[in-house]
């Protein structure tokens, strides 16, 4: 299978970038005080480490599973942020605005969309 056909490598790279930026935002916030927040602190660190692993896997392992991981990462992190910004999540109430917040949800949206497009294109390329 030619992964360059249809820009699949570009979509994989975009998905990996989205996951990596989101992981970086979570690590940055963890160092800026979120480490001391019960439940959320450990989850932010887990998000950072997991995001790095997923981003590398998307680029290195030419299989559908890492793309599914990027989609799940983007979707779950977006859902968690939406909950935190609306009703609160584990007693944390977030806002929709701010550089970290906007960069986070944009990167998570990128991971979700690019991962979905890459997965769809690769599956379509396999069809006779």
C-alpha atoms as a PDB file:
ATOM      1  CA  UNK A   1       0.000   0.000   0.000  1.00  0.00           C
ATOM      2  CA  UNK A   2       1.327   3.423  -0.968  1.00  0.00           C
ATOM      3  CA  UNK A   3       0.757   5.668   2.051  1.00  0.00           C
ATOM      4  CA  UNK A   4       1.720   8.766   0.113  1.00  0.00           C
ATOM      5  CA  UNK A   5      -1.268   8.358  -2.207  1.00  0.00           C
ATOM      6  CA  UNK A   6      -3.962  10.853  -1.304  1.00  0.00           C
ATOM      7  CA  UNK A   7      -1.773  12.659   1.204  1.00  0.00           C
ATOM      8  CA  UNK A   8      -2.094   9.988   3.870  1.00  0.00           C
ATOM      9  CA  UNK A   9       1.332  10.781   5.317  1.00  0.00           C
ATOM     10  CA  UNK A  10       0.380  14.450   5.598  1.00  0.00           C
ATOM     11  CA  UNK A  11      -2.823  13.536   7.434  1.00  0.00           C
ATOM     12  CA  UNK A  12      -0.890  11.203   9.754  1.00  0.00           C
ATOM     13  CA  UNK A  13       1.613  13.989  10.451  1.00  0.00           C
ATOM     14  CA  UNK A  14      -1.230  16.429  11.169  1.00  0.00           C
ATOM     15  CA  UNK A  15      -2.860  13.958  13.561  1.00  0.00           C
ATOM     16  CA  UNK A  16       0.458  13.369  15.317  1.00  0.00           C
ATOM     17  CA  UNK A  17       1.035  17.123  15.565  1.00  0.00           C
ATOM     18  CA  UNK A  18      -2.410  17.646  17.089  1.00  0.00           C
ATOM     19  CA  UNK A  19      -1.838  14.930  19.678  1.00  0.00           C
ATOM     20  CA  UNK A  20       1.662  16.183  20.474  1.00  0.00           C
ATOM     21  CA  UNK A  21       0.602  19.824  20.903  1.00  0.00           C
ATOM     22  CA  UNK A  22      -2.281  18.815  23.155  1.00  0.00           C
ATOM     23  CA  UNK A  23       0.079  16.651  25.219  1.00  0.00           C
ATOM     24  CA  UNK A  24       2.495  19.576  25.427  1.00  0.00           C
ATOM     25  CA  UNK A  25      -0.234  21.928  26.650  1.00  0.00           C
ATOM     26  CA  UNK A  26      -1.199  19.449  29.343  1.00  0.00           C
ATOM     27  CA  UNK A  27       2.418  19.014  30.429  1.00  0.00           C
ATOM     28  CA  UNK A  28       2.903  22.798  30.475  1.00  0.00           C
ATOM     29  CA  UNK A  29      -0.180  23.226  32.668  1.00  0.00           C
ATOM     30  CA  UNK A  30       0.921  20.374  34.908  1.00  0.00           C
ATOM     31  CA  UNK A  31       4.205  22.229  35.564  1.00  0.00           C
ATOM     32  CA  UNK A  32       2.291  25.489  36.118  1.00  0.00           C
ATOM     33  CA  UNK A  33       0.337  24.232  39.109  1.00  0.00           C
ATOM     34  CA  UNK A  34      -2.051  21.584  37.885  1.00  0.00           C
ATOM     35  CA  UNK A  35       0.215  18.941  39.433  1.00  0.00           C
ATOM     36  CA  UNK A  36      -1.221  19.824  42.840  1.00  0.00           C
ATOM     37  CA  UNK A  37      -4.876  19.374  41.817  1.00  0.00           C
ATOM     38  CA  UNK A  38      -6.346  16.105  43.032  1.00  0.00           C
ATOM     39  CA  UNK A  39      -7.294  13.700  40.207  1.00  0.00           C
ATOM     40  CA  UNK A  40      -6.766  16.300  37.451  1.00  0.00           C
ATOM     41  CA  UNK A  41      -3.036  16.642  38.125  1.00  0.00           C
ATOM     42  CA  UNK A  42      -2.216  12.966  37.559  1.00  0.00           C
ATOM     43  CA  UNK A  43      -4.576  12.876  34.571  1.00  0.00           C
ATOM     44  CA  UNK A  44      -2.747  15.816  32.953  1.00  0.00           C
ATOM     45  CA  UNK A  45       0.582  14.025  33.375  1.00  0.00           C
ATOM     46  CA  UNK A  46      -0.917  10.802  31.995  1.00  0.00           C
ATOM     47  CA  UNK A  47      -2.302  12.797  29.052  1.00  0.00           C
ATOM     48  CA  UNK A  48       1.159  14.223  28.312  1.00  0.00           C
ATOM     49  CA  UNK A  49       2.913  10.857  28.401  1.00  0.00           C
ATOM     50  CA  UNK A  50       0.146   9.048  26.529  1.00  0.00           C
ATOM     51  CA  UNK A  51       0.004  11.775  23.889  1.00  0.00           C
ATOM     52  CA  UNK A  52       3.727  11.452  23.226  1.00  0.00           C
ATOM     53  CA  UNK A  53       3.412   7.680  22.822  1.00  0.00           C
ATOM     54  CA  UNK A  54       0.410   8.007  20.484  1.00  0.00           C
ATOM     55  CA  UNK A  55       2.069  10.718  18.358  1.00  0.00           C
ATOM     56  CA  UNK A  56       5.195   8.615  17.855  1.00  0.00           C
ATOM     57  CA  UNK A  57       3.123   5.521  17.088  1.00  0.00           C
ATOM     58  CA  UNK A  58       1.077   7.389  14.460  1.00  0.00           C
ATOM     59  CA  UNK A  59       4.290   8.358  12.658  1.00  0.00           C
ATOM     60  CA  UNK A  60       6.219   5.100  13.040  1.00  0.00           C
ATOM     61  CA  UNK A  61       3.676   2.272  12.997  1.00  0.00           C
ATOM     62  CA  UNK A  62       1.786   2.090   9.700  1.00  0.00           C
ATOM     63  CA  UNK A  63      -1.293   0.449  11.164  1.00  0.00           C
ATOM     64  CA  UNK A  64      -4.828   1.627  11.811  1.00  0.00           C
ATOM     65  CA  UNK A  65      -4.513   1.239  15.594  1.00  0.00           C
ATOM     66  CA  UNK A  66      -2.388   4.358  16.272  1.00  0.00           C
ATOM     67  CA  UNK A  67      -4.807   6.414  14.171  1.00  0.00           C
ATOM     68  CA  UNK A  68      -7.665   5.096  16.268  1.00  0.00           C
ATOM     69  CA  UNK A  69      -5.625   6.109  19.313  1.00  0.00           C
ATOM     70  CA  UNK A  70      -5.223   9.652  17.951  1.00  0.00           C
ATOM     71  CA  UNK A  71      -8.962   9.867  17.263  1.00  0.00           C
ATOM     72  CA  UNK A  72      -9.791   8.605  20.746  1.00  0.00           C
ATOM     73  CA  UNK A  73      -7.222  10.904  22.331  1.00  0.00           C
ATOM     74  CA  UNK A  74      -8.611  13.953  20.526  1.00  0.00           C
ATOM     75  CA  UNK A  75     -12.238  13.069  21.237  1.00  0.00           C
ATOM     76  CA  UNK A  76     -11.797  12.154  24.904  1.00  0.00           C
ATOM     77  CA  UNK A  77      -9.658  15.193  25.663  1.00  0.00           C
ATOM     78  CA  UNK A  78     -12.133  17.494  23.908  1.00  0.00           C
ATOM     79  CA  UNK A  79     -15.007  15.954  25.859  1.00  0.00           C
ATOM     80  CA  UNK A  80     -13.125  16.334  29.141  1.00  0.00           C
ATOM     81  CA  UNK A  81     -12.344  19.984  28.353  1.00  0.00           C
ATOM     82  CA  UNK A  82     -15.964  20.665  27.387  1.00  0.00           C
ATOM     83  CA  UNK A  83     -17.156  19.154  30.660  1.00  0.00           C
ATOM     84  CA  UNK A  84     -14.613  21.184  32.640  1.00  0.00           C
ATOM     85  CA  UNK A  85     -15.664  24.389  30.850  1.00  0.00           C
ATOM     86  CA  UNK A  86     -19.399  23.814  31.281  1.00  0.00           C
ATOM     87  CA  UNK A  87     -20.378  21.813  34.372  1.00  0.00           C
ATOM     88  CA  UNK A  88     -16.947  21.185  35.873  1.00  0.00           C
ATOM     89  CA  UNK A  89     -14.804  18.064  35.980  1.00  0.00           C
ATOM     90  CA  UNK A  90     -13.534  16.650  39.282  1.00  0.00           C
ATOM     91  CA  UNK A  91     -14.275  20.022  40.924  1.00  0.00           C
ATOM     92  CA  UNK A  92     -12.275  21.939  38.301  1.00  0.00           C
ATOM     93  CA  UNK A  93     -14.095  24.655  36.353  1.00  0.00           C
ATOM     94  CA  UNK A  94     -12.247  25.784  33.242  1.00  0.00           C
ATOM     95  CA  UNK A  95     -12.870  28.696  30.896  1.00  0.00           C
ATOM     96  CA  UNK A  96     -13.174  28.635  27.100  1.00  0.00           C
ATOM     97  CA  UNK A  97     -10.715  31.478  26.609  1.00  0.00           C
ATOM     98  CA  UNK A  98      -6.984  31.828  27.101  1.00  0.00           C
ATOM     99  CA  UNK A  99      -3.982  30.823  25.036  1.00  0.00           C
ATOM    100  CA  UNK A 100      -3.585  27.399  26.668  1.00  0.00           C
ATOM    101  CA  UNK A 101      -7.283  26.616  26.343  1.00  0.00           C
ATOM    102  CA  UNK A 102      -7.588  27.652  22.698  1.00  0.00           C
ATOM    103  CA  UNK A 103      -4.337  25.924  21.712  1.00  0.00           C
ATOM    104  CA  UNK A 104      -5.514  22.808  23.535  1.00  0.00           C
ATOM    105  CA  UNK A 105      -8.932  22.486  21.947  1.00  0.00           C
ATOM    106  CA  UNK A 106      -7.653  23.411  18.486  1.00  0.00           C
ATOM    107  CA  UNK A 107      -4.937  20.745  18.675  1.00  0.00           C
ATOM    108  CA  UNK A 108      -7.423  18.167  19.972  1.00  0.00           C
ATOM    109  CA  UNK A 109      -9.794  18.992  17.132  1.00  0.00           C
ATOM    110  CA  UNK A 110      -6.883  18.619  14.691  1.00  0.00           C
ATOM    111  CA  UNK A 111      -6.013  15.204  16.150  1.00  0.00           C
ATOM    112  CA  UNK A 112      -9.628  14.083  15.850  1.00  0.00           C
ATOM    113  CA  UNK A 113     -10.213  15.333  12.300  1.00  0.00           C
ATOM    114  CA  UNK A 114      -6.800  14.468  10.818  1.00  0.00           C
ATOM    115  CA  UNK A 115      -6.799  11.037  12.444  1.00  0.00           C
ATOM    116  CA  UNK A 116     -10.261  10.327  11.043  1.00  0.00           C
ATOM    117  CA  UNK A 117      -9.316  11.483   7.539  1.00  0.00           C
ATOM    118  CA  UNK A 118      -6.064   9.488   7.559  1.00  0.00           C
ATOM    119  CA  UNK A 119      -7.858   6.355   8.740  1.00  0.00           C
ATOM    120  CA  UNK A 120     -10.594   6.769   6.123  1.00  0.00           C
ATOM    121  CA  UNK A 121      -8.082   7.375   3.309  1.00  0.00           C
ATOM    122  CA  UNK A 122      -5.938   4.399   4.258  1.00  0.00           C
ATOM    123  CA  UNK A 123      -8.956   2.118   4.481  1.00  0.00           C
ATOM    124  CA  UNK A 124     -10.230   3.406   1.128  1.00  0.00           C
ATOM    125  CA  UNK A 125      -6.814   2.816  -0.471  1.00  0.00           C
ATOM    126  CA  UNK A 126      -6.991  -0.853   0.559  1.00  0.00           C
ATOM    127  CA  UNK A 127     -10.301  -1.339  -1.239  1.00  0.00           C
ATOM    128  CA  UNK A 128      -9.883  -2.874  -4.720  1.00  0.00           C
END
